[in-house]
Amino acid sequence: MSTDKLKLAMLVGRDTPTTCSAISMIAGLPQVQILAILIDSERLSIARRLRNLKKNVRREGWSYLYFWLREFLLDFLESLSSRQISRGDVFETLRQSFPGRAFTLGQFEKLNHIPVLEVGNLNGLLAAETLRKLEVDLGIVLGTRILKRSTFSIPRMGCINLHKGKVPEYRGMPPGFWELYDGRSSAGVTVHFVDDGLDTGDIVGEDSVLIRPKDSPRTLRRKLDQKGNELLVRCVLDLAKGQAVRRPQPATSHKTRTSPTRHQQEELEKGLGLSSVRQEQWIRMLKTFFYLTIFYTGFFHVVRGLRKILPKSRGCILLYHRVNDLADDVLTVSLQRFTEHLLTLKKYYTVIPSSVIAEKVRLGEKLPDHSVAIHFDDCYRDVYTQASPILVQLKVPASAFVSSGFIGTERIFQHDADKYPIRMENLRPEDLSGLTKRGFEIGSHTVNHVDLGQCGDEEAYRELVQSKHDLETILARPVLMFSFPFGRKNNIREKVPELVRQAGYQTMFSAHGGYVTGSSDPFNLCRMGVSEVHRPLDLLMEIEGLSLGALKMGWKKLWPNSRSS
């Protein structure tokens, strides 16, 4: 058997985390060598954009212009709202936090010594000439335009494509949409050779993911991305070993799928219970405009200055749950967004340990100016594997409140089982010790994540004492902080704070919003939940009490008897 490595060229359309992950996984195979990454860098001309607009108006009517204008305004406002933090700083922080892992295509040049080449249109002369000079065995296509034979036939073996769909039934695009629309119980991924038709080449490998009742187009797309990358690696390895089996696609009467109309999108959203999505987009647009006005008129900085000179200081505790690129819900924040948050906090605030806030509150002392603390609840392992390396790199302290009965088990939190289609791994005992070595403070979150607003005193006290004992046994140090599960006002009864005190804790945290001052109750310290939906701009407004939610809460405190609109 030949020991020569299979020489590859990656042909990519966009610089995305999914693309980078696929290339990283393939680059780690000892049987292959990636000679170059070719990026399709040609942008649509104005004339082409206008032709596309005209085509869509003919397809969907003049109302499409309204849709197009809304999308344009959303993109424009999003670009303005992202300027608080440099994209380059974000990816450089991620690179330093995870040595050897690329987060942008450009980083492969430094980490893996793989040339990254912008070649314009992948069907153009420059791309073809570049590919020909590389003399590769195989091209791997990831999210490009439809390739012509003048490009895909150059590698010795041709090119393979990762398609997020089962062929031949689901040729075309977009990934996952039509399977949901058709009410399928699963969705497929396929690796096939590229030929003159769209997604019609010989199949090299197939796999599938289950479609859960709570899946949306976004969650299904993430599952397909992950499963597709895993399949692609297996297929490349089989090709490198000479073990791959090509098989022609079966004949089919299915038509190639195209982008859905707005009516079809709205129909699916309604069927999945997502019919408020478009209304939320308008709300998000107006909210973004409001926040940008506050920030760029200087009012944001005036408020910060006033807080510094006021006699009563105020701190904010930010509550996270998990950090990963798999989930897409209110408990999850992606690595990129989490890094944006931390860089924003480093720029505008002083991040302090929870124990410092607790001590200041117990003594009735003024909190440090612009102070913020970072918390994680539950027992998700990505707090250790994904969040803590970034926190260490930026020298930011944090606390984890752990439900001890989940440590080292495959138990699933009920709120995940009910709502989310992906299982999240739990912390292991050694992870907990690892967190403390990385500067984390550890608190209790009961044993079984029980609702202390519903269970009796005996059960509540047992949960408090046992969780404290479990954590102290693992860590060999006192555990003095506690946060109660679910965190809302109806999730705790009046007698529970006294039980928490009797169990040996010195501080208790909630999760129903609000801020901490020197006069706060040590057994009712407020926290504010944050997730992927919070851009750096949103985060700033939340912390300063200028967000729509914070303003509404302030209004209710001033006029508790007024009717909410």
Protein backbone atom coordinates (compact mmCIF):
# COMPACT_ATOMS: atom_id res chain seq x y z
CA MET A 1 0.00 0.00 0.00
CA SER A 2 1.29 3.47 -0.88
CA THR A 3 2.33 5.67 2.02
CA ASP A 4 1.93 8.87 0.01
CA LYS A 5 -0.47 11.35 1.51
CA LEU A 6 -3.62 12.31 -0.38
CA LYS A 7 -3.06 15.87 -1.60
CA LEU A 8 -6.09 18.11 -1.14
CA ALA A 9 -7.31 21.56 -2.11
CA MET A 10 -10.18 23.12 -0.17
CA LEU A 11 -12.58 25.14 -2.34
CA VAL A 12 -14.70 27.35 -0.09
CA GLY A 13 -17.31 30.02 -0.52
CA ARG A 14 -17.45 31.73 2.88
CA ASP A 15 -15.35 32.13 5.98
CA THR A 16 -17.62 30.57 8.62
CA PRO A 17 -17.05 28.63 11.87
CA THR A 18 -18.52 25.51 10.25
CA THR A 19 -16.12 25.73 7.31
CA CYS A 20 -13.15 26.30 9.61
CA SER A 21 -14.19 23.33 11.75
CA ALA A 22 -14.38 21.04 8.71
CA ILE A 23 -10.94 22.10 7.48
CA SER A 24 -9.43 21.69 10.96
CA MET A 25 -10.82 18.17 11.24
CA ILE A 26 -9.48 17.17 7.82
CA ALA A 27 -6.10 18.82 8.46
CA GLY A 28 -5.74 16.60 11.52
CA LEU A 29 -5.84 13.41 9.44
CA PRO A 30 -2.30 12.00 9.09
CA GLN A 31 -3.19 10.40 5.73
CA VAL A 32 -3.83 13.71 3.93
CA GLN A 33 -2.11 17.00 3.16
CA ILE A 34 -3.99 20.20 2.41
CA LEU A 35 -1.92 22.12 -0.14
CA ALA A 36 -4.10 25.24 -0.26
CA ILE A 37 -7.44 26.81 0.61
CA LEU A 38 -9.00 28.57 -2.39
CA ILE A 39 -11.60 31.19 -1.48
CA ASP A 40 -14.25 32.35 -3.93
CA SER A 41 -13.74 36.07 -3.32
CA GLU A 42 -15.80 37.48 -6.18
CA ARG A 43 -18.67 39.63 -4.93
CA LEU A 44 -21.94 40.11 -6.74
CA SER A 45 -21.94 43.17 -8.98
CA ILE A 46 -24.62 45.83 -8.62
CA ALA A 47 -26.06 44.75 -11.97
CA ARG A 48 -26.32 41.15 -10.77
CA ARG A 49 -27.95 42.24 -7.53
CA LEU A 50 -30.52 44.26 -9.45
CA ARG A 51 -31.27 41.29 -11.72
CA ASN A 52 -31.80 39.10 -8.66
CA LEU A 53 -34.09 41.73 -7.15
CA LYS A 54 -36.12 41.91 -10.36
CA LYS A 55 -36.36 38.12 -10.47
CA ASN A 56 -37.65 37.94 -6.90
CA VAL A 57 -40.21 40.70 -7.52
CA ARG A 58 -41.54 38.71 -10.49
CA ARG A 59 -41.65 35.59 -8.33
CA GLU A 60 -43.28 37.04 -5.21
CA GLY A 61 -44.84 40.33 -6.25
CA TRP A 62 -44.13 43.95 -5.37
CA SER A 63 -44.40 43.16 -1.66
CA TYR A 64 -40.93 41.66 -1.99
CA LEU A 65 -39.54 45.21 -2.04
CA TYR A 66 -40.89 45.70 1.48
CA PHE A 67 -39.14 42.48 2.56
CA TRP A 68 -35.91 43.51 0.81
CA LEU A 69 -35.93 46.95 2.48
CA ARG A 70 -36.45 45.40 5.90
CA GLU A 71 -33.54 42.99 5.40
CA PHE A 72 -31.32 45.81 4.14
CA LEU A 73 -32.10 47.98 7.17
CA LEU A 74 -31.54 45.06 9.54
CA ASP A 75 -28.13 44.32 8.02
CA PHE A 76 -27.15 47.99 8.10
CA LEU A 77 -28.13 48.47 11.75
CA GLU A 78 -26.46 45.19 12.72
CA SER A 79 -23.21 46.36 11.14
CA LEU A 80 -23.37 49.61 13.13
CA SER A 81 -24.16 47.81 16.37
CA SER A 82 -21.14 45.50 16.00
CA ARG A 83 -18.56 48.30 15.95
CA GLN A 84 -18.02 48.41 19.72
CA ILE A 85 -15.60 45.49 19.45
CA SER A 86 -13.13 44.71 16.66
CA ARG A 87 -13.78 41.45 14.82
CA GLY A 88 -10.02 41.00 14.56
CA ASP A 89 -9.63 41.29 18.35
CA VAL A 90 -12.33 38.67 18.85
CA PHE A 91 -10.70 36.07 16.62
CA GLU A 92 -7.22 36.81 17.90
CA THR A 93 -8.48 36.25 21.45
CA LEU A 94 -10.04 32.96 20.41
CA ARG A 95 -6.81 31.89 18.69
CA GLN A 96 -4.79 32.65 21.81
CA SER A 97 -7.34 30.90 24.03
CA PHE A 98 -7.29 27.72 21.95
CA PRO A 99 -3.76 27.26 20.54
CA GLY A 100 -3.73 25.11 17.44
CA ARG A 101 -7.38 25.81 16.60
CA ALA A 102 -8.31 28.06 13.68
CA PHE A 103 -11.36 30.33 13.93
CA THR A 104 -10.91 32.07 10.57
CA LEU A 105 -9.59 30.83 7.25
CA GLY A 106 -6.68 33.24 7.49
CA GLN A 107 -5.46 31.58 10.69
CA PHE A 108 -4.73 28.31 8.85
CA GLU A 109 -1.77 30.02 7.21
CA LYS A 110 -0.13 30.62 10.61
CA LEU A 111 -1.23 27.47 12.40
CA ASN A 112 -1.02 24.82 9.68
CA HIS A 113 1.16 26.56 7.08
CA ILE A 114 -1.62 26.15 4.52
CA PRO A 115 -1.69 28.90 1.87
CA VAL A 116 -5.02 30.75 1.84
CA LEU A 117 -5.66 32.15 -1.63
CA GLU A 118 -8.40 34.51 -2.80
CA VAL A 119 -8.93 33.52 -6.43
CA GLY A 120 -12.01 35.51 -7.42
CA ASN A 121 -14.68 33.41 -9.13
CA LEU A 122 -13.89 29.73 -8.60
CA ASN A 123 -15.02 29.15 -12.18
CA GLY A 124 -12.60 31.78 -13.47
CA LEU A 125 -9.22 31.44 -15.17
CA LEU A 126 -7.22 32.42 -12.06
CA ALA A 127 -8.88 29.73 -9.94
CA ALA A 128 -8.38 27.08 -12.62
CA GLU A 129 -4.73 27.99 -13.15
CA THR A 130 -4.06 28.03 -9.40
CA LEU A 131 -5.70 24.64 -8.94
CA ARG A 132 -3.79 23.20 -11.88
CA LYS A 133 -0.42 24.34 -10.48
CA LEU A 134 -1.15 22.70 -7.13
CA GLU A 135 -1.42 19.27 -8.78
CA VAL A 136 -3.75 17.97 -6.08
CA ASP A 137 -5.40 14.57 -5.97
CA LEU A 138 -8.78 15.76 -4.71
CA GLY A 139 -10.74 18.97 -4.33
CA ILE A 140 -13.15 19.38 -1.41
CA VAL A 141 -16.04 21.78 -2.00
CA LEU A 142 -17.59 23.63 0.94
CA GLY A 143 -20.42 26.08 0.32
CA THR A 144 -19.38 27.45 -3.06
CA ARG A 145 -21.26 28.54 -6.14
CA ILE A 146 -22.12 25.77 -8.65
CA LEU A 147 -18.78 24.70 -10.11
CA LYS A 148 -18.18 24.14 -13.81
CA ARG A 149 -16.30 21.22 -15.29
CA SER A 150 -13.43 23.56 -16.13
CA THR A 151 -12.77 23.72 -12.37
CA PHE A 152 -14.02 20.51 -10.74
CA SER A 153 -12.28 18.21 -13.25
CA ILE A 154 -8.76 19.56 -12.60
CA PRO A 155 -7.83 17.48 -9.49
CA ARG A 156 -6.70 13.94 -10.38
CA MET A 157 -9.72 12.33 -8.69
CA GLY A 158 -12.08 15.24 -9.24
CA CYS A 159 -13.93 17.09 -6.45
CA ILE A 160 -16.27 15.97 -3.70
CA ASN A 161 -18.99 18.14 -2.19
CA LEU A 162 -20.56 18.13 1.27
CA HIS A 163 -24.30 18.51 0.74
CA LYS A 164 -26.60 19.14 3.71
CA GLY A 165 -29.43 17.01 2.38
CA LYS A 166 -30.28 13.46 1.35
CA VAL A 167 -29.93 12.88 -2.37
CA PRO A 168 -31.63 12.56 -4.72
CA GLU A 169 -34.74 13.60 -2.76
CA TYR A 170 -33.29 16.82 -1.38
CA ARG A 171 -30.94 18.18 -3.98
CA GLY A 172 -30.60 21.95 -3.91
CA MET A 173 -31.15 24.27 -0.98
CA PRO A 174 -31.58 25.47 1.76
CA PRO A 175 -30.30 22.87 4.26
CA GLY A 176 -33.01 21.39 6.48
CA PHE A 177 -35.85 23.68 5.41
CA TRP A 178 -37.69 21.35 3.07
CA GLU A 179 -37.37 18.35 5.38
CA LEU A 180 -39.13 20.37 8.09
CA TYR A 181 -41.65 21.70 5.59
CA ASP A 182 -42.43 18.15 4.40
CA GLY A 183 -42.82 16.90 7.97
CA ARG A 184 -39.94 14.41 7.78
CA SER A 185 -38.65 12.60 10.86
CA SER A 186 -35.02 12.90 9.77
CA ALA A 187 -32.73 14.94 7.54
CA GLY A 188 -29.68 13.71 5.69
CA VAL A 189 -26.16 14.77 4.77
CA THR A 190 -24.36 13.46 1.71
CA VAL A 191 -20.81 13.52 0.40
CA HIS A 192 -20.82 13.09 -3.37
CA PHE A 193 -18.55 13.71 -6.32
CA VAL A 194 -19.19 16.89 -8.27
CA ASP A 195 -20.42 16.56 -11.85
CA ASP A 196 -22.27 18.70 -14.37
CA GLY A 197 -25.62 18.49 -12.59
CA LEU A 198 -26.59 20.09 -9.28
CA ASP A 199 -25.90 17.56 -6.48
CA THR A 200 -26.15 14.66 -8.97
CA GLY A 201 -22.68 13.07 -8.67
CA ASP A 202 -21.78 9.63 -7.35
CA ILE A 203 -22.35 9.17 -3.61
CA VAL A 204 -19.36 8.50 -1.36
CA GLY A 205 -21.11 8.58 2.01
CA GLU A 206 -24.42 9.35 3.72
CA ASP A 207 -25.67 9.98 7.24
CA SER A 208 -28.69 11.51 8.93
CA VAL A 209 -29.95 13.29 12.03
CA LEU A 210 -33.32 12.91 13.73
CA ILE A 211 -35.72 15.84 13.55
CA ARG A 212 -37.06 16.50 17.04
CA PRO A 213 -40.42 18.16 17.78
CA LYS A 214 -38.63 21.30 19.01
CA ASP A 215 -36.33 21.61 15.98
CA SER A 216 -36.38 24.82 13.96
CA PRO A 217 -34.57 25.55 10.67
CA ARG A 218 -31.70 27.02 12.69
CA THR A 219 -31.31 24.15 15.16
CA LEU A 220 -31.61 21.57 12.41
CA ARG A 221 -28.99 23.41 10.35
CA ARG A 222 -26.56 23.28 13.26
CA LYS A 223 -27.09 19.54 13.66
CA LEU A 224 -26.58 19.04 9.93
CA ASP A 225 -23.40 21.12 10.04
CA GLN A 226 -21.95 18.95 12.80
CA LYS A 227 -23.04 15.63 11.28
CA GLY A 228 -21.90 16.75 7.82
CA ASN A 229 -18.39 17.59 9.00
CA GLU A 230 -18.10 14.22 10.73
CA LEU A 231 -19.24 12.43 7.56
CA LEU A 232 -16.85 14.43 5.39
CA VAL A 233 -13.88 13.42 7.52
CA ARG A 234 -14.84 9.74 7.29
CA CYS A 235 -15.20 9.95 3.52
CA VAL A 236 -11.87 11.74 3.04
CA LEU A 237 -10.20 9.10 5.19
CA ASP A 238 -11.76 6.30 3.12
CA LEU A 239 -10.61 7.98 -0.09
CA ALA A 240 -7.09 8.38 1.31
CA LYS A 241 -6.98 4.67 2.21
CA GLY A 242 -8.45 3.61 -1.12
CA GLN A 243 -11.48 2.13 0.63
CA ALA A 244 -14.18 4.50 -0.62
CA VAL A 245 -17.00 3.05 -2.71
CA ARG A 246 -18.66 5.28 -5.30
CA ARG A 247 -22.23 4.54 -6.21
CA PRO A 248 -24.45 6.34 -8.70
CA GLN A 249 -27.51 8.11 -7.39
CA PRO A 250 -30.80 6.31 -8.03
CA ALA A 251 -33.20 7.66 -10.61
CA THR A 252 -35.74 10.07 -9.19
CA SER A 253 -38.75 12.16 -10.12
CA HIS A 254 -37.99 14.69 -7.38
CA LYS A 255 -37.28 18.21 -8.56
CA THR A 256 -34.24 20.11 -7.35
CA ARG A 257 -35.16 22.24 -4.33
CA THR A 258 -34.86 26.01 -4.52
CA SER A 259 -35.10 28.82 -1.99
CA PRO A 260 -38.58 28.90 -0.44
CA THR A 261 -40.92 31.77 -1.05
CA ARG A 262 -41.75 34.11 1.81
CA HIS A 263 -45.19 32.50 1.98
CA GLN A 264 -43.61 29.06 2.46
CA GLN A 265 -41.26 30.42 5.13
CA GLU A 266 -44.17 32.00 6.99
CA GLU A 267 -46.18 28.78 6.65
CA LEU A 268 -43.36 26.74 8.23
CA GLU A 269 -42.79 29.31 10.98
CA LYS A 270 -46.48 29.20 11.85
CA GLY A 271 -46.49 25.41 11.90
CA LEU A 272 -43.48 25.36 14.24
CA GLY A 273 -44.88 28.04 16.51
CA LEU A 274 -42.38 30.62 15.27
CA SER A 275 -44.92 32.95 13.67
CA SER A 276 -43.70 35.94 15.72
CA VAL A 277 -40.25 35.88 14.09
CA ARG A 278 -40.97 38.63 11.56
CA GLN A 279 -42.59 40.86 14.17
CA GLU A 280 -39.53 40.34 16.37
CA GLN A 281 -37.30 41.47 13.51
CA TRP A 282 -39.05 44.84 13.39
CA ILE A 283 -38.83 45.14 17.17
CA ARG A 284 -35.13 44.30 17.02
CA MET A 285 -34.62 46.92 14.32
CA LEU A 286 -36.33 49.65 16.34
CA LYS A 287 -34.53 48.58 19.51
CA THR A 288 -31.17 48.69 17.73
CA PHE A 289 -31.87 52.18 16.42
CA PHE A 290 -32.82 53.31 19.93
CA TYR A 291 -29.65 51.84 21.46
CA LEU A 292 -27.42 53.31 18.75
CA THR A 293 -28.95 56.72 19.41
CA ILE A 294 -28.26 56.42 23.15
CA PHE A 295 -24.67 55.31 22.53
CA TYR A 296 -23.57 57.70 19.78
CA THR A 297 -25.27 60.82 21.17
CA GLY A 298 -23.15 60.40 24.29
CA PHE A 299 -26.06 59.78 26.65
CA PHE A 300 -24.63 56.35 27.49
CA HIS A 301 -21.37 57.93 28.69
CA VAL A 302 -23.24 60.63 30.64
CA VAL A 303 -25.12 57.92 32.57
CA ARG A 304 -21.87 56.09 33.30
CA GLY A 305 -20.30 59.31 34.57
CA LEU A 306 -23.26 60.04 36.84
CA ARG A 307 -23.14 56.55 38.32
CA LYS A 308 -19.50 57.11 39.26
CA ILE A 309 -20.21 60.25 41.30
CA LEU A 310 -23.44 59.08 42.94
CA PRO A 311 -23.01 58.03 46.60
CA LYS A 312 -24.85 54.72 46.09
CA SER A 313 -22.78 52.39 43.90
CA ARG A 314 -24.26 49.61 41.82
CA GLY A 315 -22.94 46.36 40.39
CA CYS A 316 -24.28 43.93 37.83
CA ILE A 317 -24.01 40.13 37.89
CA LEU A 318 -24.30 38.50 34.47
CA LEU A 319 -25.68 34.97 34.38
CA TYR A 320 -24.70 32.50 31.66
CA HIS A 321 -25.44 28.79 31.40
CA ARG A 322 -23.47 27.29 28.53
CA VAL A 323 -21.00 28.36 25.86
CA ASN A 324 -20.97 26.39 22.61
CA ASP A 325 -21.67 26.56 18.89
CA LEU A 326 -24.21 23.73 18.92
CA ALA A 327 -27.31 25.03 20.66
CA ASP A 328 -29.47 27.99 19.72
CA ASP A 329 -31.62 29.03 22.66
CA VAL A 330 -31.86 31.47 25.56
CA LEU A 331 -29.44 29.45 27.70
CA THR A 332 -26.64 29.36 25.14
CA VAL A 333 -24.04 31.79 23.89
CA SER A 334 -21.59 31.00 21.08
CA LEU A 335 -17.83 31.19 21.53
CA GLN A 336 -17.64 34.27 19.32
CA ARG A 337 -20.43 36.10 21.14
CA PHE A 338 -19.03 35.16 24.55
CA THR A 339 -15.64 36.55 23.52
CA GLU A 340 -17.33 39.74 22.31
CA HIS A 341 -19.00 40.04 25.72
CA LEU A 342 -15.74 39.61 27.62
CA LEU A 343 -13.88 42.13 25.46
CA THR A 344 -16.74 44.58 25.97
CA LEU A 345 -16.59 44.08 29.74
CA LYS A 346 -12.80 44.50 29.75
CA LYS A 347 -13.19 47.77 27.85
CA TYR A 348 -15.92 49.39 29.95
CA TYR A 349 -16.07 47.64 33.34
CA THR A 350 -14.18 46.12 36.26
CA VAL A 351 -14.92 42.39 36.46
CA ILE A 352 -14.56 41.21 40.06
CA PRO A 353 -15.01 37.86 41.86
CA SER A 354 -18.43 37.08 43.32
CA SER A 355 -16.88 36.75 46.78
CA VAL A 356 -15.84 40.41 46.62
CA ILE A 357 -19.39 41.51 45.84
CA ALA A 358 -20.75 39.26 48.59
CA GLU A 359 -18.28 40.64 51.14
CA LYS A 360 -19.03 44.26 50.22
CA VAL A 361 -22.76 43.62 50.56
CA ARG A 362 -22.39 41.86 53.92
CA LEU A 363 -20.37 44.81 55.24
CA GLY A 364 -22.66 47.40 53.63
CA GLU A 365 -19.71 48.91 51.76
CA LYS A 366 -19.69 50.68 48.42
CA LEU A 367 -19.03 48.46 45.43
CA PRO A 368 -16.12 49.26 43.08
CA ASP A 369 -17.07 51.65 40.26
CA HIS A 370 -18.53 49.95 37.18
CA SER A 371 -18.24 46.51 38.77
CA VAL A 372 -19.51 43.36 37.07
CA ALA A 373 -19.38 39.67 38.01
CA ILE A 374 -19.82 36.62 35.76
CA HIS A 375 -21.81 33.54 36.78
CA PHE A 376 -22.63 30.16 35.20
CA ASP A 377 -25.49 27.98 36.45
CA ASP A 378 -26.30 24.24 36.17
CA CYS A 379 -23.58 21.71 35.26
CA TYR A 380 -22.61 22.09 31.60
CA ARG A 381 -19.15 20.84 30.71
CA ASP A 382 -18.57 23.49 28.05
CA VAL A 383 -18.10 25.99 30.88
CA TYR A 384 -14.81 24.16 31.47
CA THR A 385 -13.89 23.22 27.89
CA GLN A 386 -15.08 26.34 26.04
CA ALA A 387 -15.64 29.27 28.41
CA SER A 388 -12.81 28.92 30.91
CA PRO A 389 -9.91 29.09 28.39
CA ILE A 390 -11.20 32.46 27.14
CA LEU A 391 -11.69 33.75 30.68
CA VAL A 392 -8.15 32.69 31.59
CA GLN A 393 -6.70 34.32 28.48
CA LEU A 394 -8.40 37.64 29.30
CA LYS A 395 -7.72 37.30 33.05
CA VAL A 396 -11.43 37.58 33.89
CA PRO A 397 -12.76 35.90 37.09
CA ALA A 398 -16.00 33.92 37.13
CA SER A 399 -18.16 31.66 39.31
CA ALA A 400 -19.93 28.38 38.55
CA PHE A 401 -23.01 27.26 40.49
CA VAL A 402 -23.29 23.52 40.07
CA SER A 403 -26.12 21.03 40.57
CA SER A 404 -24.02 18.32 42.21
CA GLY A 405 -26.27 15.39 41.26
CA PHE A 406 -25.41 15.89 37.59
CA ILE A 407 -21.62 15.82 37.98
CA GLY A 408 -20.06 12.92 36.08
CA THR A 409 -23.42 11.60 34.89
CA GLU A 410 -25.41 11.52 31.65
CA ARG A 411 -28.46 13.06 33.31
CA ILE A 412 -30.29 15.67 31.27
CA PHE A 413 -31.77 18.80 32.79
CA GLN A 414 -35.53 18.76 32.38
CA HIS A 415 -35.52 22.18 30.75
CA ASP A 416 -33.27 20.70 28.04
CA ALA A 417 -35.25 17.48 27.62
CA ASP A 418 -38.45 19.47 27.17
CA LYS A 419 -37.13 22.14 24.85
CA TYR A 420 -33.94 21.27 23.05
CA PRO A 421 -32.98 18.50 20.61
CA ILE A 422 -29.25 18.24 21.47
CA ARG A 423 -27.87 16.58 24.63
CA MET A 424 -25.29 18.64 26.52
CA GLU A 425 -22.42 16.95 28.35
CA ASN A 426 -22.16 17.49 32.12
CA LEU A 427 -19.12 18.52 34.13
CA ARG A 428 -16.88 15.76 35.45
CA PRO A 429 -15.36 15.82 38.96
CA GLU A 430 -11.92 16.61 37.56
CA ASP A 431 -13.41 19.49 35.53
CA LEU A 432 -14.68 21.06 38.73
CA SER A 433 -11.20 20.97 40.23
CA GLY A 434 -9.86 22.30 36.94
CA LEU A 435 -12.20 25.27 37.12
CA THR A 436 -10.89 26.26 40.55
CA LYS A 437 -7.33 26.04 39.23
CA ARG A 438 -8.39 28.45 36.49
CA GLY A 439 -9.64 30.97 39.01
CA PHE A 440 -13.30 30.01 39.27
CA GLU A 441 -15.27 30.27 42.49
CA ILE A 442 -17.72 27.39 42.96
CA GLY A 443 -21.19 27.63 44.43
CA SER A 444 -24.11 25.27 44.95
CA HIS A 445 -27.20 24.98 42.75
CA THR A 446 -28.91 22.16 44.73
CA VAL A 447 -28.37 18.46 43.98
CA ASN A 448 -31.16 17.79 41.49
CA HIS A 449 -31.98 21.29 40.20
CA VAL A 450 -35.23 21.34 42.19
CA ASP A 451 -37.75 24.15 42.30
CA LEU A 452 -37.47 25.53 45.83
CA GLY A 453 -40.75 27.33 45.35
CA GLN A 454 -42.57 24.00 45.10
CA CYS A 455 -40.77 21.48 47.32
CA GLY A 456 -41.23 21.20 51.08
CA ASP A 457 -38.83 22.45 53.76
CA GLU A 458 -37.37 19.02 54.47
CA GLU A 459 -36.56 18.31 50.82
CA ALA A 460 -35.22 21.83 50.30
CA TYR A 461 -32.89 21.58 53.30
CA ARG A 462 -31.69 18.15 52.20
CA GLU A 463 -30.89 19.49 48.72
CA LEU A 464 -28.99 22.44 50.21
CA VAL A 465 -26.92 20.40 52.65
CA GLN A 466 -26.18 17.48 50.32
CA SER A 467 -25.10 19.70 47.43
CA LYS A 468 -22.76 21.64 49.71
CA HIS A 469 -21.28 18.38 51.02
CA ASP A 470 -20.86 16.91 47.51
CA LEU A 471 -19.02 19.95 46.19
CA GLU A 472 -16.82 20.35 49.25
CA THR A 473 -15.86 16.67 49.03
CA ILE A 474 -14.70 17.11 45.42
CA LEU A 475 -12.98 20.46 45.95
CA ALA A 476 -11.64 20.06 49.50
CA ARG A 477 -12.60 23.66 50.24
CA PRO A 478 -15.66 25.46 51.68
CA VAL A 479 -18.62 26.21 49.42
CA LEU A 480 -20.34 29.32 50.77
CA MET A 481 -22.40 30.63 47.83
CA PHE A 482 -25.74 29.36 46.55
CA SER A 483 -27.99 30.19 43.61
CA PHE A 484 -31.50 28.77 43.50
CA PRO A 485 -32.64 26.93 40.34
CA PHE A 486 -34.85 28.72 37.80
CA GLY A 487 -34.18 31.93 39.72
CA ARG A 488 -37.60 33.60 39.42
CA LYS A 489 -39.51 35.04 42.37
CA ASN A 490 -42.01 32.18 42.28
CA ASN A 491 -39.17 29.62 42.43
CA ILE A 492 -38.41 30.31 46.07
CA ARG A 493 -40.56 30.48 49.19
CA GLU A 494 -40.25 32.96 52.04
CA LYS A 495 -38.68 30.42 54.42
CA VAL A 496 -35.98 29.18 52.02
CA PRO A 497 -33.41 31.99 52.60
CA GLU A 498 -33.34 31.02 56.28
CA LEU A 499 -32.82 27.37 55.31
CA VAL A 500 -29.96 28.47 53.05
CA ARG A 501 -28.39 30.32 55.98
CA GLN A 502 -28.85 27.32 58.29
CA ALA A 503 -27.19 25.04 55.71
CA GLY A 504 -24.01 27.09 56.03
CA TYR A 505 -24.14 29.40 53.03
CA GLN A 506 -23.29 33.09 53.31
CA THR A 507 -24.83 34.35 50.07
CA MET A 508 -27.75 33.49 47.79
CA PHE A 509 -28.33 34.63 44.20
CA SER A 510 -31.53 34.89 42.18
CA ALA A 511 -32.01 35.25 38.41
CA HIS A 512 -35.00 37.54 37.90
CA GLY A 513 -33.07 40.62 36.81
CA GLY A 514 -31.93 43.67 38.68
CA TYR A 515 -28.72 45.00 40.17
CA VAL A 516 -26.66 44.76 43.37
CA THR A 517 -25.87 47.63 45.74
CA GLY A 518 -24.09 47.86 49.06
CA SER A 519 -27.48 47.78 50.78
CA SER A 520 -28.73 44.63 49.01
CA ASP A 521 -29.84 41.58 50.99
CA PRO A 522 -26.96 39.03 50.95
CA PHE A 523 -29.58 36.31 50.54
CA ASN A 524 -31.29 37.96 47.58
CA LEU A 525 -28.57 39.15 45.22
CA CYS A 526 -30.00 39.80 41.77
CA ARG A 527 -28.54 38.53 38.53
CA MET A 528 -29.26 39.29 34.89
CA GLY A 529 -29.48 36.49 32.31
CA VAL A 530 -27.57 36.97 29.06
CA SER A 531 -27.25 34.79 25.96
CA GLU A 532 -26.56 34.83 22.22
CA VAL A 533 -29.23 37.46 21.54
CA HIS A 534 -27.22 40.03 23.48
CA ARG A 535 -24.85 41.80 21.14
CA PRO A 536 -22.14 43.94 22.77
CA LEU A 537 -24.43 46.96 22.33
CA ASP A 538 -27.32 45.15 24.06
CA LEU A 539 -24.99 44.10 26.87
CA LEU A 540 -23.92 47.68 27.52
CA MET A 541 -27.52 48.87 27.65
CA GLU A 542 -28.54 46.06 30.02
CA ILE A 543 -25.71 46.75 32.45
CA GLU A 544 -26.35 50.49 32.53
CA GLY A 545 -30.10 50.05 32.94
CA LEU A 546 -30.83 51.62 29.55
CA SER A 547 -32.26 48.56 27.81
CA LEU A 548 -35.98 48.41 27.10
CA GLY A 549 -36.38 45.65 29.69
CA ALA A 550 -34.46 47.58 32.35
CA LEU A 551 -36.41 50.77 31.63
CA LYS A 552 -39.67 48.84 31.92
CA MET A 553 -38.56 47.36 35.25
CA GLY A 554 -37.59 50.81 36.50
CA TRP A 555 -40.98 52.19 35.46
CA LYS A 556 -42.76 49.47 37.44
CA LYS A 557 -40.71 50.25 40.54
CA LEU A 558 -41.53 53.95 40.32
CA TRP A 559 -45.20 53.45 39.46
CA PRO A 560 -46.13 49.94 40.65
CA ASN A 561 -49.84 50.50 40.15
CA SER A 562 -49.59 51.70 36.54
CA ARG A 563 -50.85 49.38 33.83
CA SER A 564 -48.21 47.88 31.51
CA SER A 565 -48.94 48.44 27.86
